[in-house]
Amino acid sequence: MEKQHITIEEAQKQVDNWIKTIGVRYFSELTNMAILTEEVGELARIIARKYGDQSFKKSDEKYDLGDEMADVLWVLICLANQTGVDLTKAFRKNMEKKTTRDKDRHSNNTKLY
């Protein structure tokens, strides 16, 4: 199966189309913020069990790391769409900020070596 690439802009459009054709409407921004928090918690649960010190419970077997990450991304895209944030522009601007601000910070951090 060939990998299918998608841009952030395309993802924002796909989510918006899904919401408008299948999802009826966006939940309120406050509701989506609460859902985002819930989804990040589910992701944290899997990370804590897979890479941390917690052991898996039988109820954890239904969780899939990639699916949980996609849930977080989905709700983040919903929030971006409904608040008018272009995530492509925001990501580029954020990368520039980090690159300028942290140009030497990490290479000078002896804890990373």
PDB file of N, CA and C in Angstrom:
ATOM      1  N   MET A   1       0.839  -1.182   0.000  1.00  0.00           N
ATOM      2  CA  MET A   1       0.000   0.000   0.000  1.00  0.00           C
ATOM      3  C   MET A   1       0.887   1.249   0.000  1.00  0.00           C
ATOM      4  N   GLU A   2       0.613   2.160  -0.886  1.00  0.00           N
ATOM      5  CA  GLU A   2       1.389   3.378  -1.024  1.00  0.00           C
ATOM      6  C   GLU A   2       0.989   4.381   0.047  1.00  0.00           C
ATOM      7  N   LYS A   3       2.005   5.045   0.608  1.00  0.00           N
ATOM      8  CA  LYS A   3       1.725   6.079   1.609  1.00  0.00           C
ATOM      9  C   LYS A   3       1.035   7.246   0.948  1.00  0.00           C
ATOM     10  N   GLN A   4       0.025   7.743   1.615  1.00  0.00           N
ATOM     11  CA  GLN A   4      -0.701   8.905   1.126  1.00  0.00           C
ATOM     12  C   GLN A   4      -0.361  10.087   2.030  1.00  0.00           C
ATOM     13  N   HIS A   5       0.246  11.112   1.448  1.00  0.00           N
ATOM     14  CA  HIS A   5       0.628  12.289   2.221  1.00  0.00           C
ATOM     15  C   HIS A   5      -0.515  13.294   2.225  1.00  0.00           C
ATOM     16  N   ILE A   6      -0.611  14.007   3.320  1.00  0.00           N
ATOM     17  CA  ILE A   6      -1.644  15.025   3.461  1.00  0.00           C
ATOM     18  C   ILE A   6      -1.002  16.246   4.120  1.00  0.00           C
ATOM     19  N   THR A   7      -1.329  17.396   3.608  1.00  0.00           N
ATOM     20  CA  THR A   7      -0.815  18.621   4.224  1.00  0.00           C
ATOM     21  C   THR A   7      -1.692  18.996   5.412  1.00  0.00           C
ATOM     22  N   ILE A   8      -1.187  19.887   6.225  1.00  0.00           N
ATOM     23  CA  ILE A   8      -1.984  20.380   7.344  1.00  0.00           C
ATOM     24  C   ILE A   8      -3.218  21.099   6.806  1.00  0.00           C
ATOM     25  N   GLU A   9      -3.035  21.870   5.743  1.00  0.00           N
ATOM     26  CA  GLU A   9      -4.160  22.581   5.133  1.00  0.00           C
ATOM     27  C   GLU A   9      -5.230  21.607   4.651  1.00  0.00           C
ATOM     28  N   GLU A  10      -4.805  20.515   4.016  1.00  0.00           N
ATOM     29  CA  GLU A  10      -5.771  19.508   3.558  1.00  0.00           C
ATOM     30  C   GLU A  10      -6.483  18.854   4.730  1.00  0.00           C
ATOM     31  N   ALA A  11      -5.754  18.597   5.817  1.00  0.00           N
ATOM     32  CA  ALA A  11      -6.363  18.010   7.007  1.00  0.00           C
ATOM     33  C   ALA A  11      -7.423  18.950   7.579  1.00  0.00           C
ATOM     34  N   GLN A  12      -7.114  20.237   7.621  1.00  0.00           N
ATOM     35  CA  GLN A  12      -8.095  21.201   8.126  1.00  0.00           C
ATOM     36  C   GLN A  12      -9.342  21.202   7.249  1.00  0.00           C
ATOM     37  N   LYS A  13      -9.162  21.117   5.943  1.00  0.00           N
ATOM     38  CA  LYS A  13     -10.314  21.099   5.033  1.00  0.00           C
ATOM     39  C   LYS A  13     -11.113  19.806   5.171  1.00  0.00           C
ATOM     40  N   GLN A  14     -10.424  18.680   5.312  1.00  0.00           N
ATOM     41  CA  GLN A  14     -11.122  17.397   5.461  1.00  0.00           C
ATOM     42  C   GLN A  14     -11.946  17.359   6.734  1.00  0.00           C
ATOM     43  N   VAL A  15     -11.373  17.830   7.828  1.00  0.00           N
ATOM     44  CA  VAL A  15     -12.111  17.859   9.097  1.00  0.00           C
ATOM     45  C   VAL A  15     -13.324  18.769   8.966  1.00  0.00           C
ATOM     46  N   ASP A  16     -13.136  19.945   8.389  1.00  0.00           N
ATOM     47  CA  ASP A  16     -14.242  20.885   8.219  1.00  0.00           C
ATOM     48  C   ASP A  16     -15.350  20.270   7.366  1.00  0.00           C
ATOM     49  N   ASN A  17     -14.974  19.600   6.288  1.00  0.00           N
ATOM     50  CA  ASN A  17     -15.962  18.949   5.425  1.00  0.00           C
ATOM     51  C   ASN A  17     -16.704  17.843   6.180  1.00  0.00           C
ATOM     52  N   TRP A  18     -15.976  17.061   6.954  1.00  0.00           N
ATOM     53  CA  TRP A  18     -16.607  15.979   7.722  1.00  0.00           C
ATOM     54  C   TRP A  18     -17.603  16.552   8.727  1.00  0.00           C
ATOM     55  N   ILE A  19     -17.173  17.594   9.435  1.00  0.00           N
ATOM     56  CA  ILE A  19     -18.056  18.222  10.427  1.00  0.00           C
ATOM     57  C   ILE A  19     -19.336  18.710   9.756  1.00  0.00           C
ATOM     58  N   LYS A  20     -19.201  19.353   8.613  1.00  0.00           N
ATOM     59  CA  LYS A  20     -20.355  19.948   7.937  1.00  0.00           C
ATOM     60  C   LYS A  20     -21.253  18.933   7.238  1.00  0.00           C
ATOM     61  N   THR A  21     -20.731  17.759   6.886  1.00  0.00           N
ATOM     62  CA  THR A  21     -21.538  16.775   6.169  1.00  0.00           C
ATOM     63  C   THR A  21     -21.980  15.599   7.028  1.00  0.00           C
ATOM     64  N   ILE A  22     -21.198  15.258   8.034  1.00  0.00           N
ATOM     65  CA  ILE A  22     -21.517  14.093   8.873  1.00  0.00           C
ATOM     66  C   ILE A  22     -21.723  14.484  10.334  1.00  0.00           C
ATOM     67  N   GLY A  23     -20.904  15.391  10.815  1.00  0.00           N
ATOM     68  CA  GLY A  23     -20.930  15.755  12.231  1.00  0.00           C
ATOM     69  C   GLY A  23     -21.964  16.796  12.612  1.00  0.00           C
ATOM     70  N   VAL A  24     -22.728  17.276  11.679  1.00  0.00           N
ATOM     71  CA  VAL A  24     -23.785  18.274  11.875  1.00  0.00           C
ATOM     72  C   VAL A  24     -23.209  19.668  12.111  1.00  0.00           C
ATOM     73  N   ARG A  25     -22.435  19.855  13.182  1.00  0.00           N
ATOM     74  CA  ARG A  25     -21.821  21.143  13.475  1.00  0.00           C
ATOM     75  C   ARG A  25     -20.674  20.920  14.440  1.00  0.00           C
ATOM     76  N   TYR A  26     -19.835  21.946  14.568  1.00  0.00           N
ATOM     77  CA  TYR A  26     -18.758  21.887  15.556  1.00  0.00           C
ATOM     78  C   TYR A  26     -19.362  21.971  16.952  1.00  0.00           C
ATOM     79  N   PHE A  27     -18.769  21.237  17.891  1.00  0.00           N
ATOM     80  CA  PHE A  27     -19.085  21.465  19.295  1.00  0.00           C
ATOM     81  C   PHE A  27     -18.542  22.854  19.642  1.00  0.00           C
ATOM     82  N   SER A  28     -18.979  23.420  20.739  1.00  0.00           N
ATOM     83  CA  SER A  28     -18.462  24.722  21.146  1.00  0.00           C
ATOM     84  C   SER A  28     -16.958  24.617  21.418  1.00  0.00           C
ATOM     85  N   GLU A  29     -16.303  25.759  21.373  1.00  0.00           N
ATOM     86  CA  GLU A  29     -14.867  25.783  21.631  1.00  0.00           C
ATOM     87  C   GLU A  29     -14.549  25.238  23.030  1.00  0.00           C
ATOM     88  N   LEU A  30     -15.370  25.586  23.999  1.00  0.00           N
ATOM     89  CA  LEU A  30     -15.135  25.083  25.362  1.00  0.00           C
ATOM     90  C   LEU A  30     -15.308  23.570  25.449  1.00  0.00           C
ATOM     91  N   THR A  31     -16.322  23.064  24.759  1.00  0.00           N
ATOM     92  CA  THR A  31     -16.513  21.611  24.731  1.00  0.00           C
ATOM     93  C   THR A  31     -15.327  20.936  24.058  1.00  0.00           C
ATOM     94  N   ASN A  32     -14.895  21.486  22.923  1.00  0.00           N
ATOM     95  CA  ASN A  32     -13.750  20.885  22.231  1.00  0.00           C
ATOM     96  C   ASN A  32     -12.470  20.980  23.056  1.00  0.00           C
ATOM     97  N   MET A  33     -12.316  22.031  23.843  1.00  0.00           N
ATOM     98  CA  MET A  33     -11.145  22.115  24.721  1.00  0.00           C
ATOM     99  C   MET A  33     -11.188  21.012  25.771  1.00  0.00           C
ATOM    100  N   ALA A  34     -12.363  20.758  26.311  1.00  0.00           N
ATOM    101  CA  ALA A  34     -12.514  19.673  27.288  1.00  0.00           C
ATOM    102  C   ALA A  34     -12.245  18.321  26.630  1.00  0.00           C
ATOM    103  N   ILE A  35     -12.741  18.147  25.400  1.00  0.00           N
ATOM    104  CA  ILE A  35     -12.505  16.890  24.675  1.00  0.00           C
ATOM    105  C   ILE A  35     -11.022  16.722  24.375  1.00  0.00           C
ATOM    106  N   LEU A  36     -10.353  17.817  24.002  1.00  0.00           N
ATOM    107  CA  LEU A  36      -8.912  17.751  23.745  1.00  0.00           C
ATOM    108  C   LEU A  36      -8.170  17.287  24.989  1.00  0.00           C
ATOM    109  N   THR A  37      -8.544  17.831  26.119  1.00  0.00           N
ATOM    110  CA  THR A  37      -7.925  17.437  27.384  1.00  0.00           C
ATOM    111  C   THR A  37      -8.153  15.953  27.656  1.00  0.00           C
ATOM    112  N   GLU A  38      -9.361  15.490  27.404  1.00  0.00           N
ATOM    113  CA  GLU A  38      -9.686  14.071  27.578  1.00  0.00           C
ATOM    114  C   GLU A  38      -8.832  13.199  26.655  1.00  0.00           C
ATOM    115  N   GLU A  39      -8.711  13.604  25.393  1.00  0.00           N
ATOM    116  CA  GLU A  39      -7.938  12.818  24.428  1.00  0.00           C
ATOM    117  C   GLU A  39      -6.450  12.796  24.782  1.00  0.00           C
ATOM    118  N   VAL A  40      -5.924  13.928  25.260  1.00  0.00           N
ATOM    119  CA  VAL A  40      -4.519  13.962  25.688  1.00  0.00           C
ATOM    120  C   VAL A  40      -4.325  13.027  26.886  1.00  0.00           C
ATOM    121  N   GLY A  41      -5.325  12.971  27.767  1.00  0.00           N
ATOM    122  CA  GLY A  41      -5.259  12.050  28.908  1.00  0.00           C
ATOM    123  C   GLY A  41      -5.212  10.597  28.461  1.00  0.00           C
ATOM    124  N   GLU A  42      -5.998  10.251  27.450  1.00  0.00           N
ATOM    125  CA  GLU A  42      -5.980   8.878  26.932  1.00  0.00           C
ATOM    126  C   GLU A  42      -4.626   8.562  26.303  1.00  0.00           C
ATOM    127  N   LEU A  43      -4.061   9.524  25.606  1.00  0.00           N
ATOM    128  CA  LEU A  43      -2.730   9.346  25.027  1.00  0.00           C
ATOM    129  C   LEU A  43      -1.698   9.167  26.140  1.00  0.00           C
ATOM    130  N   ALA A  44      -1.784   9.991  27.165  1.00  0.00           N
ATOM    131  CA  ALA A  44      -0.853   9.903  28.291  1.00  0.00           C
ATOM    132  C   ALA A  44      -0.943   8.540  28.973  1.00  0.00           C
ATOM    133  N   ARG A  45      -2.146   8.009  29.067  1.00  0.00           N
ATOM    134  CA  ARG A  45      -2.347   6.693  29.689  1.00  0.00           C
ATOM    135  C   ARG A  45      -1.555   5.614  28.947  1.00  0.00           C
ATOM    136  N   ILE A  46      -1.629   5.634  27.621  1.00  0.00           N
ATOM    137  CA  ILE A  46      -0.923   4.630  26.830  1.00  0.00           C
ATOM    138  C   ILE A  46       0.587   4.838  26.918  1.00  0.00           C
ATOM    139  N   ILE A  47       1.034   6.086  26.846  1.00  0.00           N
ATOM    140  CA  ILE A  47       2.468   6.379  26.944  1.00  0.00           C
ATOM    141  C   ILE A  47       3.009   5.923  28.308  1.00  0.00           C
ATOM    142  N   ALA A  48       2.251   6.199  29.383  1.00  0.00           N
ATOM    143  CA  ALA A  48       2.685   5.824  30.735  1.00  0.00           C
ATOM    144  C   ALA A  48       2.814   4.314  30.873  1.00  0.00           C
ATOM    145  N   ARG A  49       1.960   3.580  30.174  1.00  0.00           N
ATOM    146  CA  ARG A  49       1.994   2.130  30.276  1.00  0.00           C
ATOM    147  C   ARG A  49       3.015   1.502  29.317  1.00  0.00           C
ATOM    148  N   LYS A  50       3.132   2.069  28.125  1.00  0.00           N
ATOM    149  CA  LYS A  50       4.031   1.492  27.128  1.00  0.00           C
ATOM    150  C   LYS A  50       5.486   1.888  27.375  1.00  0.00           C
ATOM    151  N   TYR A  51       5.711   3.138  27.764  1.00  0.00           N
ATOM    152  CA  TYR A  51       7.077   3.635  27.919  1.00  0.00           C
ATOM    153  C   TYR A  51       7.433   3.994  29.351  1.00  0.00           C
ATOM    154  N   GLY A  52       6.440   4.064  30.218  1.00  0.00           N
ATOM    155  CA  GLY A  52       6.680   4.421  31.608  1.00  0.00           C
ATOM    156  C   GLY A  52       6.648   3.204  32.512  1.00  0.00           C
ATOM    157  N   ASP A  53       6.426   3.454  33.756  1.00  0.00           N
ATOM    158  CA  ASP A  53       6.508   2.411  34.771  1.00  0.00           C
ATOM    159  C   ASP A  53       5.192   1.712  35.062  1.00  0.00           C
ATOM    160  N   GLN A  54       4.083   2.241  34.560  1.00  0.00           N
ATOM    161  CA  GLN A  54       2.796   1.608  34.831  1.00  0.00           C
ATOM    162  C   GLN A  54       2.625   0.357  33.976  1.00  0.00           C
ATOM    163  N   SER A  55       1.921  -0.622  34.530  1.00  0.00           N
ATOM    164  CA  SER A  55       1.638  -1.845  33.771  1.00  0.00           C
ATOM    165  C   SER A  55       0.281  -1.710  33.089  1.00  0.00           C
ATOM    166  N   PHE A  56       0.123  -2.457  32.005  1.00  0.00           N
ATOM    167  CA  PHE A  56      -1.135  -2.438  31.275  1.00  0.00           C
ATOM    168  C   PHE A  56      -2.216  -3.157  32.065  1.00  0.00           C
ATOM    169  N   LYS A  57      -3.432  -2.654  31.946  1.00  0.00           N
ATOM    170  CA  LYS A  57      -4.611  -3.329  32.482  1.00  0.00           C
ATOM    171  C   LYS A  57      -5.332  -3.955  31.298  1.00  0.00           C
ATOM    172  N   LYS A  58      -6.179  -4.891  31.554  1.00  0.00           N
ATOM    173  CA  LYS A  58      -6.950  -5.527  30.486  1.00  0.00           C
ATOM    174  C   LYS A  58      -7.722  -4.473  29.686  1.00  0.00           C
ATOM    175  N   SER A  59      -8.249  -3.469  30.360  1.00  0.00           N
ATOM    176  CA  SER A  59      -9.035  -2.425  29.695  1.00  0.00           C
ATOM    177  C   SER A  59      -8.182  -1.534  28.787  1.00  0.00           C
ATOM    178  N   ASP A  60      -6.860  -1.582  28.946  1.00  0.00           N
ATOM    179  CA  ASP A  60      -5.975  -0.759  28.123  1.00  0.00           C
ATOM    180  C   ASP A  60      -5.710  -1.373  26.754  1.00  0.00           C
ATOM    181  N   GLU A  61      -6.035  -2.635  26.572  1.00  0.00           N
ATOM    182  CA  GLU A  61      -5.726  -3.326  25.327  1.00  0.00           C
ATOM    183  C   GLU A  61      -6.454  -2.739  24.126  1.00  0.00           C
ATOM    184  N   LYS A  62      -7.567  -2.065  24.371  1.00  0.00           N
ATOM    185  CA  LYS A  62      -8.343  -1.495  23.269  1.00  0.00           C
ATOM    186  C   LYS A  62      -7.701  -0.239  22.693  1.00  0.00           C
ATOM    187  N   TYR A  63      -6.763   0.357  23.416  1.00  0.00           N
ATOM    188  CA  TYR A  63      -6.150   1.608  22.984  1.00  0.00           C
ATOM    189  C   TYR A  63      -5.015   1.357  21.997  1.00  0.00           C
ATOM    190  N   ASP A  64      -4.937   2.226  20.998  1.00  0.00           N
ATOM    191  CA  ASP A  64      -3.887   2.173  19.994  1.00  0.00           C
ATOM    192  C   ASP A  64      -3.178   3.521  20.005  1.00  0.00           C
ATOM    193  N   LEU A  65      -1.870   3.525  20.142  1.00  0.00           N
ATOM    194  CA  LEU A  65      -1.100   4.756  20.280  1.00  0.00           C
ATOM    195  C   LEU A  65      -1.342   5.715  19.117  1.00  0.00           C
ATOM    196  N   GLY A  66      -1.255   5.215  17.898  1.00  0.00           N
ATOM    197  CA  GLY A  66      -1.468   6.065  16.730  1.00  0.00           C
ATOM    198  C   GLY A  66      -2.865   6.632  16.679  1.00  0.00           C
ATOM    199  N   ASP A  67      -3.852   5.817  17.015  1.00  0.00           N
ATOM    200  CA  ASP A  67      -5.234   6.277  17.013  1.00  0.00           C
ATOM    201  C   ASP A  67      -5.452   7.365  18.060  1.00  0.00           C
ATOM    202  N   GLU A  68      -4.829   7.204  19.215  1.00  0.00           N
ATOM    203  CA  GLU A  68      -4.964   8.219  20.269  1.00  0.00           C
ATOM    204  C   GLU A  68      -4.305   9.529  19.839  1.00  0.00           C
ATOM    205  N   MET A  69      -3.164   9.445  19.176  1.00  0.00           N
ATOM    206  CA  MET A  69      -2.524  10.659  18.665  1.00  0.00           C
ATOM    207  C   MET A  69      -3.402  11.328  17.608  1.00  0.00           C
ATOM    208  N   ALA A  70      -4.019  10.523  16.751  1.00  0.00           N
ATOM    209  CA  ALA A  70      -4.908  11.063  15.721  1.00  0.00           C
ATOM    210  C   ALA A  70      -6.136  11.726  16.346  1.00  0.00           C
ATOM    211  N   ASP A  71      -6.644  11.172  17.452  1.00  0.00           N
ATOM    212  CA  ASP A  71      -7.763  11.805  18.155  1.00  0.00           C
ATOM    213  C   ASP A  71      -7.375  13.193  18.656  1.00  0.00           C
ATOM    214  N   VAL A  72      -6.167  13.316  19.211  1.00  0.00           N
ATOM    215  CA  VAL A  72      -5.677  14.615  19.690  1.00  0.00           C
ATOM    216  C   VAL A  72      -5.579  15.581  18.514  1.00  0.00           C
ATOM    217  N   LEU A  73      -5.010  15.115  17.404  1.00  0.00           N
ATOM    218  CA  LEU A  73      -4.858  15.957  16.228  1.00  0.00           C
ATOM    219  C   LEU A  73      -6.214  16.397  15.686  1.00  0.00           C
ATOM    220  N   TRP A  74      -7.170  15.483  15.644  1.00  0.00           N
ATOM    221  CA  TRP A  74      -8.517  15.788  15.150  1.00  0.00           C
ATOM    222  C   TRP A  74      -9.139  16.949  15.924  1.00  0.00           C
ATOM    223  N   VAL A  75      -9.126  16.849  17.241  1.00  0.00           N
ATOM    224  CA  VAL A  75      -9.771  17.883  18.060  1.00  0.00           C
ATOM    225  C   VAL A  75      -8.990  19.191  17.974  1.00  0.00           C
ATOM    226  N   LEU A  76      -7.669  19.124  17.895  1.00  0.00           N
ATOM    227  CA  LEU A  76      -6.870  20.330  17.723  1.00  0.00           C
ATOM    228  C   LEU A  76      -7.220  21.015  16.405  1.00  0.00           C
ATOM    229  N   ILE A  77      -7.390  20.229  15.349  1.00  0.00           N
ATOM    230  CA  ILE A  77      -7.793  20.787  14.057  1.00  0.00           C
ATOM    231  C   ILE A  77      -9.186  21.400  14.151  1.00  0.00           C
ATOM    232  N   CYS A  78     -10.095  20.750  14.846  1.00  0.00           N
ATOM    233  CA  CYS A  78     -11.432  21.331  15.046  1.00  0.00           C
ATOM    234  C   CYS A  78     -11.323  22.703  15.705  1.00  0.00           C
ATOM    235  N   LEU A  79     -10.538  22.798  16.765  1.00  0.00           N
ATOM    236  CA  LEU A  79     -10.368  24.079  17.457  1.00  0.00           C
ATOM    237  C   LEU A  79      -9.741  25.128  16.545  1.00  0.00           C
ATOM    238  N   ALA A  80      -8.769  24.729  15.751  1.00  0.00           N
ATOM    239  CA  ALA A  80      -8.142  25.669  14.810  1.00  0.00           C
ATOM    240  C   ALA A  80      -9.167  26.163  13.797  1.00  0.00           C
ATOM    241  N   ASN A  81      -9.940  25.240  13.245  1.00  0.00           N
ATOM    242  CA  ASN A  81     -10.940  25.620  12.245  1.00  0.00           C
ATOM    243  C   ASN A  81     -11.961  26.599  12.812  1.00  0.00           C
ATOM    244  N   GLN A  82     -12.459  26.309  13.981  1.00  0.00           N
ATOM    245  CA  GLN A  82     -13.539  27.135  14.498  1.00  0.00           C
ATOM    246  C   GLN A  82     -13.053  28.456  15.090  1.00  0.00           C
ATOM    247  N   THR A  83     -11.746  28.590  15.308  1.00  0.00           N
ATOM    248  CA  THR A  83     -11.219  29.858  15.810  1.00  0.00           C
ATOM    249  C   THR A  83     -10.448  30.619  14.731  1.00  0.00           C
ATOM    250  N   GLY A  84     -10.456  30.092  13.504  1.00  0.00           N
ATOM    251  CA  GLY A  84      -9.831  30.784  12.381  1.00  0.00           C
ATOM    252  C   GLY A  84      -8.315  30.713  12.338  1.00  0.00           C
ATOM    253  N   VAL A  85      -7.731  29.698  12.942  1.00  0.00           N
ATOM    254  CA  VAL A  85      -6.279  29.556  12.932  1.00  0.00           C
ATOM    255  C   VAL A  85      -5.853  28.702  11.743  1.00  0.00           C
ATOM    256  N   ASP A  86      -4.959  29.246  10.934  1.00  0.00           N
ATOM    257  CA  ASP A  86      -4.333  28.503   9.836  1.00  0.00           C
ATOM    258  C   ASP A  86      -3.143  27.776  10.451  1.00  0.00           C
ATOM    259  N   LEU A  87      -3.281  26.478  10.664  1.00  0.00           N
ATOM    260  CA  LEU A  87      -2.237  25.718  11.348  1.00  0.00           C
ATOM    261  C   LEU A  87      -0.930  25.655  10.559  1.00  0.00           C
ATOM    262  N   THR A  88      -1.009  25.714   9.244  1.00  0.00           N
ATOM    263  CA  THR A  88       0.223  25.717   8.441  1.00  0.00           C
ATOM    264  C   THR A  88       1.034  26.970   8.750  1.00  0.00           C
ATOM    265  N   LYS A  89       0.381  28.127   8.698  1.00  0.00           N
ATOM    266  CA  LYS A  89       1.071  29.383   9.006  1.00  0.00           C
ATOM    267  C   LYS A  89       1.547  29.399  10.456  1.00  0.00           C
ATOM    268  N   ALA A  90       0.699  28.950  11.361  1.00  0.00           N
ATOM    269  CA  ALA A  90       1.050  28.950  12.779  1.00  0.00           C
ATOM    270  C   ALA A  90       2.243  28.027  13.038  1.00  0.00           C
ATOM    271  N   PHE A  91       2.271  26.864  12.378  1.00  0.00           N
ATOM    272  CA  PHE A  91       3.378  25.926  12.567  1.00  0.00           C
ATOM    273  C   PHE A  91       4.680  26.513  12.025  1.00  0.00           C
ATOM    274  N   ARG A  92       4.625  27.093  10.836  1.00  0.00           N
ATOM    275  CA  ARG A  92       5.835  27.707  10.250  1.00  0.00           C
ATOM    276  C   ARG A  92       6.372  28.817  11.165  1.00  0.00           C
ATOM    277  N   LYS A  93       5.481  29.665  11.642  1.00  0.00           N
ATOM    278  CA  LYS A  93       5.877  30.759  12.524  1.00  0.00           C
ATOM    279  C   LYS A  93       6.484  30.212  13.813  1.00  0.00           C
ATOM    280  N   ASN A  94       5.901  29.143  14.347  1.00  0.00           N
ATOM    281  CA  ASN A  94       6.381  28.537  15.587  1.00  0.00           C
ATOM    282  C   ASN A  94       7.765  27.910  15.379  1.00  0.00           C
ATOM    283  N   MET A  95       7.970  27.263  14.231  1.00  0.00           N
ATOM    284  CA  MET A  95       9.282  26.676  13.930  1.00  0.00           C
ATOM    285  C   MET A  95      10.351  27.765  13.825  1.00  0.00           C
ATOM    286  N   GLU A  96      10.003  28.870  13.181  1.00  0.00           N
ATOM    287  CA  GLU A  96      10.945  29.989  13.081  1.00  0.00           C
ATOM    288  C   GLU A  96      11.286  30.527  14.464  1.00  0.00           C
ATOM    289  N   LYS A  97      10.274  30.671  15.311  1.00  0.00           N
ATOM    290  CA  LYS A  97      10.491  31.163  16.678  1.00  0.00           C
ATOM    291  C   LYS A  97      11.420  30.230  17.440  1.00  0.00           C
ATOM    292  N   LYS A  98      11.139  28.938  17.379  1.00  0.00           N
ATOM    293  CA  LYS A  98      11.964  27.963  18.097  1.00  0.00           C
ATOM    294  C   LYS A  98      13.393  27.946  17.558  1.00  0.00           C
ATOM    295  N   THR A  99      13.532  28.026  16.248  1.00  0.00           N
ATOM    296  CA  THR A  99      14.855  27.989  15.630  1.00  0.00           C
ATOM    297  C   THR A  99      15.681  29.203  16.051  1.00  0.00           C
ATOM    298  N   THR A 100      15.070  30.366  16.064  1.00  0.00           N
ATOM    299  CA  THR A 100      15.769  31.587  16.474  1.00  0.00           C
ATOM    300  C   THR A 100      16.068  31.559  17.966  1.00  0.00           C
ATOM    301  N   ARG A 101      15.076  31.255  18.751  1.00  0.00           N
ATOM    302  CA  ARG A 101      15.212  31.295  20.214  1.00  0.00           C
ATOM    303  C   ARG A 101      16.161  30.216  20.734  1.00  0.00           C
ATOM    304  N   ASP A 102      16.076  29.023  20.140  1.00  0.00           N
ATOM    305  CA  ASP A 102      16.806  27.877  20.689  1.00  0.00           C
ATOM    306  C   ASP A 102      18.013  27.465  19.854  1.00  0.00           C
ATOM    307  N   LYS A 103      18.501  28.392  19.013  1.00  0.00           N
ATOM    308  CA  LYS A 103      19.597  28.073  18.092  1.00  0.00           C
ATOM    309  C   LYS A 103      20.756  27.367  18.796  1.00  0.00           C
ATOM    310  N   ASP A 104      21.159  27.852  19.949  1.00  0.00           N
ATOM    311  CA  ASP A 104      22.291  27.264  20.675  1.00  0.00           C
ATOM    312  C   ASP A 104      21.879  26.586  21.979  1.00  0.00           C
ATOM    313  N   ARG A 105      20.654  26.787  22.384  1.00  0.00           N
ATOM    314  CA  ARG A 105      20.206  26.320  23.697  1.00  0.00           C
ATOM    315  C   ARG A 105      20.404  24.821  23.896  1.00  0.00           C
ATOM    316  N   HIS A 106      19.966  24.015  22.957  1.00  0.00           N
ATOM    317  CA  HIS A 106      20.027  22.565  23.148  1.00  0.00           C
ATOM    318  C   HIS A 106      21.435  22.023  22.920  1.00  0.00           C
ATOM    319  N   SER A 107      22.158  22.596  21.958  1.00  0.00           N
ATOM    320  CA  SER A 107      23.522  22.122  21.724  1.00  0.00           C
ATOM    321  C   SER A 107      24.445  22.478  22.886  1.00  0.00           C
ATOM    322  N   ASN A 108      24.091  23.482  23.677  1.00  0.00           N
ATOM    323  CA  ASN A 108      24.883  23.851  24.855  1.00  0.00           C
ATOM    324  C   ASN A 108      24.404  23.177  26.138  1.00  0.00           C
ATOM    325  N   ASN A 109      23.377  22.346  26.037  1.00  0.00           N
ATOM    326  CA  ASN A 109      22.833  21.660  27.217  1.00  0.00           C
ATOM    327  C   ASN A 109      23.597  20.364  27.450  1.00  0.00           C
ATOM    328  N   THR A 110      24.437  20.357  28.443  1.00  0.00           N
ATOM    329  CA  THR A 110      25.262  19.168  28.725  1.00  0.00           C
ATOM    330  C   THR A 110      24.420  17.964  29.153  1.00  0.00           C
ATOM    331  N   LYS A 111      23.202  18.195  29.601  1.00  0.00           N
ATOM    332  CA  LYS A 111      22.330  17.082  29.998  1.00  0.00           C
ATOM    333  C   LYS A 111      21.915  16.236  28.805  1.00  0.00           C
ATOM    334  N   LEU A 112      22.033  16.797  27.592  1.00  0.00           N
ATOM    335  CA  LEU A 112      21.620  16.072  26.392  1.00  0.00           C
ATOM    336  C   LEU A 112      22.740  15.216  25.797  1.00  0.00           C
ATOM    337  N   TYR A 113      23.921  15.286  26.399  1.00  0.00           N
ATOM    338  CA  TYR A 113      25.053  14.499  25.879  1.00  0.00           C
ATOM    339  C   TYR A 113      25.411  13.388  26.807  1.00  0.00           C
TER     340      TYR A 113
END
